[in-house]
């Protein structure tokens, strides 16, 4: 008899493997870690709470640890713009862009102002998972390291913006106009209407 986890040879009647400590009834499937991401629905929908449930089992796995991040930062798809340039650059105003997608202006407490449309990642050094592709990789400066390298994902749904925490170290809080803060459940999309404030670690950005 062999252990189905490590393959070590076991004596007849053994209940545990002397090499890896696994139960002799354990299988690789039973030892697989449970995916902590919510996966309760299969259809994108809007609810009164402003939370969008999505088929997360179809997404590429999101690593909790950041140790595997590459050493070189990716090039930004949107060059950060200082706030004092906003009045001189009409492209930074909320508008519609080609293809019917909406443009959103993200103003960060770190000083960056970025106009986005479509989807993207935000963090100190945002990196897509294998098989993922995004229109924007928004890199911000956070010397306190409260913002994770890949902190959150954003995208568009029915003309509105949503954000989803990517299992960041310090979490993401959405504060919509006139509402209390909502702590984002990692992996679940939360709608952020214009005028909202999104807190990422010790930093934040507003949506316009």
C-alpha atoms as a PDB file:
ATOM      1  CA  UNK A   1       0.000   0.000   0.000  1.00  0.00           C
ATOM      2  CA  UNK A   2       1.287   3.445  -0.921  1.00  0.00           C
ATOM      3  CA  UNK A   3       0.405   6.891   0.373  1.00  0.00           C
ATOM      4  CA  UNK A   4      -1.764   8.650  -2.202  1.00  0.00           C
ATOM      5  CA  UNK A   5      -0.290  12.021  -1.218  1.00  0.00           C
ATOM      6  CA  UNK A   6       3.492  11.462  -1.225  1.00  0.00           C
ATOM      7  CA  UNK A   7       3.730   7.946  -2.654  1.00  0.00           C
ATOM      8  CA  UNK A   8       5.629   6.458   0.300  1.00  0.00           C
ATOM      9  CA  UNK A   9       5.200   2.725   0.908  1.00  0.00           C
ATOM     10  CA  UNK A  10       3.018   1.989   3.940  1.00  0.00           C
ATOM     11  CA  UNK A  11       2.630  -1.158   6.052  1.00  0.00           C
ATOM     12  CA  UNK A  12      -0.664  -3.006   5.888  1.00  0.00           C
ATOM     13  CA  UNK A  13      -3.258  -1.525   8.221  1.00  0.00           C
ATOM     14  CA  UNK A  14      -1.518   1.850   8.571  1.00  0.00           C
ATOM     15  CA  UNK A  15      -3.850   4.761   9.279  1.00  0.00           C
ATOM     16  CA  UNK A  16      -1.339   7.567   8.664  1.00  0.00           C
ATOM     17  CA  UNK A  17       1.683   8.012   6.432  1.00  0.00           C
ATOM     18  CA  UNK A  18       4.959   8.056   8.344  1.00  0.00           C
ATOM     19  CA  UNK A  19       6.533  10.328   5.720  1.00  0.00           C
ATOM     20  CA  UNK A  20       4.022  13.152   5.220  1.00  0.00           C
ATOM     21  CA  UNK A  21       1.577  12.473   8.063  1.00  0.00           C
ATOM     22  CA  UNK A  22      -1.448  12.270   5.767  1.00  0.00           C
ATOM     23  CA  UNK A  23      -4.336   9.957   6.483  1.00  0.00           C
ATOM     24  CA  UNK A  24      -4.276   6.828   4.346  1.00  0.00           C
ATOM     25  CA  UNK A  25      -7.775   7.776   3.183  1.00  0.00           C
ATOM     26  CA  UNK A  26      -6.600  11.215   1.976  1.00  0.00           C
ATOM     27  CA  UNK A  27      -6.482  11.965  -1.746  1.00  0.00           C
ATOM     28  CA  UNK A  28      -4.886  14.859  -3.647  1.00  0.00           C
ATOM     29  CA  UNK A  29      -8.371  16.238  -4.259  1.00  0.00           C
ATOM     30  CA  UNK A  30      -9.318  16.119  -0.571  1.00  0.00           C
ATOM     31  CA  UNK A  31      -6.081  17.932   0.342  1.00  0.00           C
ATOM     32  CA  UNK A  32      -6.692  20.732  -2.163  1.00  0.00           C
ATOM     33  CA  UNK A  33      -7.141  24.097  -0.349  1.00  0.00           C
ATOM     34  CA  UNK A  34     -10.657  25.494  -0.449  1.00  0.00           C
ATOM     35  CA  UNK A  35     -10.987  28.469  -2.809  1.00  0.00           C
ATOM     36  CA  UNK A  36     -11.928  31.374  -0.496  1.00  0.00           C
ATOM     37  CA  UNK A  37     -13.454  33.464  -3.272  1.00  0.00           C
ATOM     38  CA  UNK A  38     -17.264  33.770  -3.432  1.00  0.00           C
ATOM     39  CA  UNK A  39     -18.755  31.789  -6.296  1.00  0.00           C
ATOM     40  CA  UNK A  40     -22.453  31.779  -5.529  1.00  0.00           C
ATOM     41  CA  UNK A  41     -23.851  32.959  -8.848  1.00  0.00           C
ATOM     42  CA  UNK A  42     -23.241  32.499 -12.538  1.00  0.00           C
ATOM     43  CA  UNK A  43     -24.931  35.577 -13.983  1.00  0.00           C
ATOM     44  CA  UNK A  44     -23.719  39.154 -13.717  1.00  0.00           C
ATOM     45  CA  UNK A  45     -26.444  41.131 -11.972  1.00  0.00           C
ATOM     46  CA  UNK A  46     -27.091  44.337 -10.066  1.00  0.00           C
ATOM     47  CA  UNK A  47     -28.536  44.268  -6.556  1.00  0.00           C
ATOM     48  CA  UNK A  48     -29.792  46.918  -4.112  1.00  0.00           C
ATOM     49  CA  UNK A  49     -26.531  46.664  -2.196  1.00  0.00           C
ATOM     50  CA  UNK A  50     -24.556  47.590  -5.281  1.00  0.00           C
ATOM     51  CA  UNK A  51     -22.656  44.302  -5.234  1.00  0.00           C
ATOM     52  CA  UNK A  52     -22.217  42.382  -8.471  1.00  0.00           C
ATOM     53  CA  UNK A  53     -21.821  38.622  -8.107  1.00  0.00           C
ATOM     54  CA  UNK A  54     -19.827  36.994 -10.886  1.00  0.00           C
ATOM     55  CA  UNK A  55     -18.736  33.474 -11.925  1.00  0.00           C
ATOM     56  CA  UNK A  56     -15.414  33.649 -10.099  1.00  0.00           C
ATOM     57  CA  UNK A  57     -14.665  29.983 -10.741  1.00  0.00           C
ATOM     58  CA  UNK A  58     -14.043  31.002 -14.361  1.00  0.00           C
ATOM     59  CA  UNK A  59     -11.367  33.544 -13.422  1.00  0.00           C
ATOM     60  CA  UNK A  60      -7.665  32.793 -13.190  1.00  0.00           C
ATOM     61  CA  UNK A  61      -6.539  31.925  -9.615  1.00  0.00           C
ATOM     62  CA  UNK A  62      -5.533  34.916  -7.517  1.00  0.00           C
ATOM     63  CA  UNK A  63      -2.479  34.419  -5.323  1.00  0.00           C
ATOM     64  CA  UNK A  64      -2.720  35.730  -1.761  1.00  0.00           C
ATOM     65  CA  UNK A  65       1.061  36.059  -1.409  1.00  0.00           C
ATOM     66  CA  UNK A  66       3.064  38.503  -3.460  1.00  0.00           C
ATOM     67  CA  UNK A  67       6.388  36.684  -3.309  1.00  0.00           C
ATOM     68  CA  UNK A  68       6.091  35.504  -6.886  1.00  0.00           C
ATOM     69  CA  UNK A  69       5.886  39.029  -8.315  1.00  0.00           C
ATOM     70  CA  UNK A  70       8.503  39.829 -10.929  1.00  0.00           C
ATOM     71  CA  UNK A  71      11.250  42.292 -10.174  1.00  0.00           C
ATOM     72  CA  UNK A  72      10.566  44.658 -13.044  1.00  0.00           C
ATOM     73  CA  UNK A  73       7.495  46.876 -12.907  1.00  0.00           C
ATOM     74  CA  UNK A  74       5.255  46.833 -15.988  1.00  0.00           C
ATOM     75  CA  UNK A  75       4.866  49.927 -18.119  1.00  0.00           C
ATOM     76  CA  UNK A  76       1.818  51.995 -17.255  1.00  0.00           C
ATOM     77  CA  UNK A  77      -0.907  52.071 -19.856  1.00  0.00           C
ATOM     78  CA  UNK A  78      -2.023  55.437 -18.503  1.00  0.00           C
ATOM     79  CA  UNK A  79       0.634  57.982 -17.587  1.00  0.00           C
ATOM     80  CA  UNK A  80      -0.158  59.538 -14.180  1.00  0.00           C
ATOM     81  CA  UNK A  81      -1.097  63.220 -14.400  1.00  0.00           C
ATOM     82  CA  UNK A  82      -0.622  65.718 -11.613  1.00  0.00           C
ATOM     83  CA  UNK A  83      -3.805  67.310 -10.262  1.00  0.00           C
ATOM     84  CA  UNK A  84      -2.728  70.839 -11.286  1.00  0.00           C
ATOM     85  CA  UNK A  85      -2.766  69.743 -14.942  1.00  0.00           C
ATOM     86  CA  UNK A  86      -6.397  68.715 -14.879  1.00  0.00           C
ATOM     87  CA  UNK A  87      -7.892  72.067 -15.913  1.00  0.00           C
ATOM     88  CA  UNK A  88      -5.562  72.260 -18.916  1.00  0.00           C
ATOM     89  CA  UNK A  89      -6.309  68.759 -20.171  1.00  0.00           C
ATOM     90  CA  UNK A  90      -9.929  68.206 -21.258  1.00  0.00           C
ATOM     91  CA  UNK A  91      -9.208  64.514 -21.735  1.00  0.00           C
ATOM     92  CA  UNK A  92      -9.260  64.167 -17.956  1.00  0.00           C
ATOM     93  CA  UNK A  93     -12.924  65.119 -17.693  1.00  0.00           C
ATOM     94  CA  UNK A  94     -15.532  62.336 -17.392  1.00  0.00           C
ATOM     95  CA  UNK A  95     -16.786  61.484 -20.868  1.00  0.00           C
ATOM     96  CA  UNK A  96     -17.652  58.720 -23.265  1.00  0.00           C
ATOM     97  CA  UNK A  97     -14.920  57.205 -25.385  1.00  0.00           C
ATOM     98  CA  UNK A  98     -14.882  55.257 -28.616  1.00  0.00           C
ATOM     99  CA  UNK A  99     -16.964  52.108 -28.591  1.00  0.00           C
ATOM    100  CA  UNK A 100     -19.493  53.457 -26.085  1.00  0.00           C
ATOM    101  CA  UNK A 101     -17.295  52.823 -23.024  1.00  0.00           C
ATOM    102  CA  UNK A 102     -17.365  55.432 -20.268  1.00  0.00           C
ATOM    103  CA  UNK A 103     -14.278  57.267 -19.050  1.00  0.00           C
ATOM    104  CA  UNK A 104     -13.646  57.693 -15.341  1.00  0.00           C
ATOM    105  CA  UNK A 105     -11.176  60.030 -13.645  1.00  0.00           C
ATOM    106  CA  UNK A 106      -9.418  58.491 -10.640  1.00  0.00           C
ATOM    107  CA  UNK A 107      -7.784  61.063  -8.349  1.00  0.00           C
ATOM    108  CA  UNK A 108      -5.388  59.482  -5.850  1.00  0.00           C
ATOM    109  CA  UNK A 109      -4.256  60.828  -2.485  1.00  0.00           C
ATOM    110  CA  UNK A 110      -0.719  60.033  -3.666  1.00  0.00           C
ATOM    111  CA  UNK A 111      -1.047  62.803  -6.291  1.00  0.00           C
ATOM    112  CA  UNK A 112      -1.735  60.797  -9.432  1.00  0.00           C
ATOM    113  CA  UNK A 113      -4.763  61.552 -11.606  1.00  0.00           C
ATOM    114  CA  UNK A 114      -5.572  58.866 -14.157  1.00  0.00           C
ATOM    115  CA  UNK A 115      -8.331  58.613 -16.747  1.00  0.00           C
ATOM    116  CA  UNK A 116      -9.482  55.050 -17.371  1.00  0.00           C
ATOM    117  CA  UNK A 117     -12.064  53.179 -19.413  1.00  0.00           C
ATOM    118  CA  UNK A 118     -12.659  49.462 -19.594  1.00  0.00           C
ATOM    119  CA  UNK A 119     -10.802  47.325 -17.077  1.00  0.00           C
ATOM    120  CA  UNK A 120      -7.516  47.419 -15.200  1.00  0.00           C
ATOM    121  CA  UNK A 121      -5.477  46.780 -12.065  1.00  0.00           C
ATOM    122  CA  UNK A 122      -4.294  49.221  -9.396  1.00  0.00           C
ATOM    123  CA  UNK A 123      -1.390  48.763  -7.005  1.00  0.00           C
ATOM    124  CA  UNK A 124       2.233  49.525  -6.242  1.00  0.00           C
ATOM    125  CA  UNK A 125       3.320  47.192  -9.033  1.00  0.00           C
ATOM    126  CA  UNK A 126       0.185  45.679 -10.603  1.00  0.00           C
ATOM    127  CA  UNK A 127       0.703  42.404 -12.457  1.00  0.00           C
ATOM    128  CA  UNK A 128      -1.949  40.322 -14.254  1.00  0.00           C
ATOM    129  CA  UNK A 129      -2.179  36.611 -13.533  1.00  0.00           C
ATOM    130  CA  UNK A 130      -1.297  34.216 -16.380  1.00  0.00           C
ATOM    131  CA  UNK A 131      -4.009  34.347 -19.013  1.00  0.00           C
ATOM    132  CA  UNK A 132      -5.330  37.744 -17.894  1.00  0.00           C
ATOM    133  CA  UNK A 133      -5.217  40.926 -19.986  1.00  0.00           C
ATOM    134  CA  UNK A 134      -6.201  44.438 -18.905  1.00  0.00           C
ATOM    135  CA  UNK A 135      -6.503  47.790 -20.626  1.00  0.00           C
ATOM    136  CA  UNK A 136      -4.827  49.631 -17.733  1.00  0.00           C
ATOM    137  CA  UNK A 137      -2.127  48.887 -15.176  1.00  0.00           C
ATOM    138  CA  UNK A 138      -2.237  51.840 -12.780  1.00  0.00           C
ATOM    139  CA  UNK A 139       0.858  52.034 -10.607  1.00  0.00           C
ATOM    140  CA  UNK A 140       0.883  54.379  -7.616  1.00  0.00           C
ATOM    141  CA  UNK A 141       3.615  55.391  -5.185  1.00  0.00           C
ATOM    142  CA  UNK A 142       3.079  54.288  -1.580  1.00  0.00           C
ATOM    143  CA  UNK A 143       6.250  54.461   0.486  1.00  0.00           C
ATOM    144  CA  UNK A 144       4.407  53.092   3.524  1.00  0.00           C
ATOM    145  CA  UNK A 145       3.690  49.861   1.585  1.00  0.00           C
ATOM    146  CA  UNK A 146       0.074  49.828   2.788  1.00  0.00           C
ATOM    147  CA  UNK A 147      -1.051  49.273  -0.808  1.00  0.00           C
ATOM    148  CA  UNK A 148      -0.433  45.780  -2.170  1.00  0.00           C
ATOM    149  CA  UNK A 149       1.489  45.289  -5.394  1.00  0.00           C
ATOM    150  CA  UNK A 150      -1.743  44.223  -7.091  1.00  0.00           C
ATOM    151  CA  UNK A 151      -4.359  45.681  -4.768  1.00  0.00           C
ATOM    152  CA  UNK A 152      -7.586  45.814  -6.729  1.00  0.00           C
ATOM    153  CA  UNK A 153      -9.197  45.258 -10.102  1.00  0.00           C
ATOM    154  CA  UNK A 154     -11.693  47.573 -11.763  1.00  0.00           C
ATOM    155  CA  UNK A 155     -13.996  47.363 -14.738  1.00  0.00           C
ATOM    156  CA  UNK A 156     -17.192  48.669 -16.288  1.00  0.00           C
ATOM    157  CA  UNK A 157     -20.745  47.336 -15.928  1.00  0.00           C
ATOM    158  CA  UNK A 158     -23.712  49.010 -17.626  1.00  0.00           C
ATOM    159  CA  UNK A 159     -21.891  52.328 -17.845  1.00  0.00           C
ATOM    160  CA  UNK A 160     -20.782  52.282 -14.211  1.00  0.00           C
ATOM    161  CA  UNK A 161     -17.463  51.478 -12.570  1.00  0.00           C
ATOM    162  CA  UNK A 162     -16.872  48.527 -10.244  1.00  0.00           C
ATOM    163  CA  UNK A 163     -13.885  47.534  -8.125  1.00  0.00           C
ATOM    164  CA  UNK A 164     -12.861  44.167  -6.673  1.00  0.00           C
ATOM    165  CA  UNK A 165     -10.230  43.638  -4.003  1.00  0.00           C
ATOM    166  CA  UNK A 166      -7.514  41.213  -5.200  1.00  0.00           C
ATOM    167  CA  UNK A 167      -6.883  39.658  -1.781  1.00  0.00           C
ATOM    168  CA  UNK A 168      -4.811  42.668  -0.742  1.00  0.00           C
ATOM    169  CA  UNK A 169      -3.004  42.783   2.586  1.00  0.00           C
ATOM    170  CA  UNK A 170      -4.925  45.766   4.008  1.00  0.00           C
ATOM    171  CA  UNK A 171      -8.229  45.479   2.181  1.00  0.00           C
ATOM    172  CA  UNK A 172     -10.430  47.862   0.203  1.00  0.00           C
ATOM    173  CA  UNK A 173     -13.246  50.081   1.517  1.00  0.00           C
ATOM    174  CA  UNK A 174     -15.804  51.800  -0.748  1.00  0.00           C
ATOM    175  CA  UNK A 175     -17.528  54.949   0.508  1.00  0.00           C
ATOM    176  CA  UNK A 176     -20.384  55.968  -1.788  1.00  0.00           C
ATOM    177  CA  UNK A 177     -21.884  59.470  -1.528  1.00  0.00           C
ATOM    178  CA  UNK A 178     -24.162  59.640   1.507  1.00  0.00           C
ATOM    179  CA  UNK A 179     -23.433  56.056   2.628  1.00  0.00           C
ATOM    180  CA  UNK A 180     -21.272  54.388   5.249  1.00  0.00           C
ATOM    181  CA  UNK A 181     -18.128  52.602   4.179  1.00  0.00           C
ATOM    182  CA  UNK A 182     -18.449  49.120   2.692  1.00  0.00           C
ATOM    183  CA  UNK A 183     -15.490  46.767   3.138  1.00  0.00           C
ATOM    184  CA  UNK A 184     -15.054  44.786  -0.059  1.00  0.00           C
ATOM    185  CA  UNK A 185     -15.119  41.023   0.107  1.00  0.00           C
ATOM    186  CA  UNK A 186     -12.017  39.832  -1.781  1.00  0.00           C
ATOM    187  CA  UNK A 187     -12.857  38.768  -5.310  1.00  0.00           C
ATOM    188  CA  UNK A 188     -16.362  40.286  -5.370  1.00  0.00           C
ATOM    189  CA  UNK A 189     -17.184  43.266  -7.547  1.00  0.00           C
ATOM    190  CA  UNK A 190     -18.657  46.372  -5.892  1.00  0.00           C
ATOM    191  CA  UNK A 191     -20.210  49.247  -7.847  1.00  0.00           C
ATOM    192  CA  UNK A 192     -18.639  52.666  -7.272  1.00  0.00           C
ATOM    193  CA  UNK A 193     -20.703  55.535  -8.696  1.00  0.00           C
ATOM    194  CA  UNK A 194     -19.066  58.838  -9.501  1.00  0.00           C
ATOM    195  CA  UNK A 195     -18.346  60.795  -6.355  1.00  0.00           C
ATOM    196  CA  UNK A 196     -17.340  57.676  -4.419  1.00  0.00           C
ATOM    197  CA  UNK A 197     -14.125  57.326  -2.447  1.00  0.00           C
ATOM    198  CA  UNK A 198     -12.222  54.033  -2.558  1.00  0.00           C
ATOM    199  CA  UNK A 199      -9.745  53.424   0.268  1.00  0.00           C
ATOM    200  CA  UNK A 200      -6.840  51.074  -0.450  1.00  0.00           C
ATOM    201  CA  UNK A 201      -4.626  50.596   2.572  1.00  0.00           C
ATOM    202  CA  UNK A 202      -3.620  54.030   3.844  1.00  0.00           C
ATOM    203  CA  UNK A 203      -4.224  55.587   0.414  1.00  0.00           C
ATOM    204  CA  UNK A 204      -7.443  56.353  -1.449  1.00  0.00           C
ATOM    205  CA  UNK A 205      -8.858  57.655  -4.701  1.00  0.00           C
ATOM    206  CA  UNK A 206     -12.077  59.369  -5.750  1.00  0.00           C
ATOM    207  CA  UNK A 207     -14.098  58.488  -8.844  1.00  0.00           C
ATOM    208  CA  UNK A 208     -15.377  61.209 -11.188  1.00  0.00           C
END
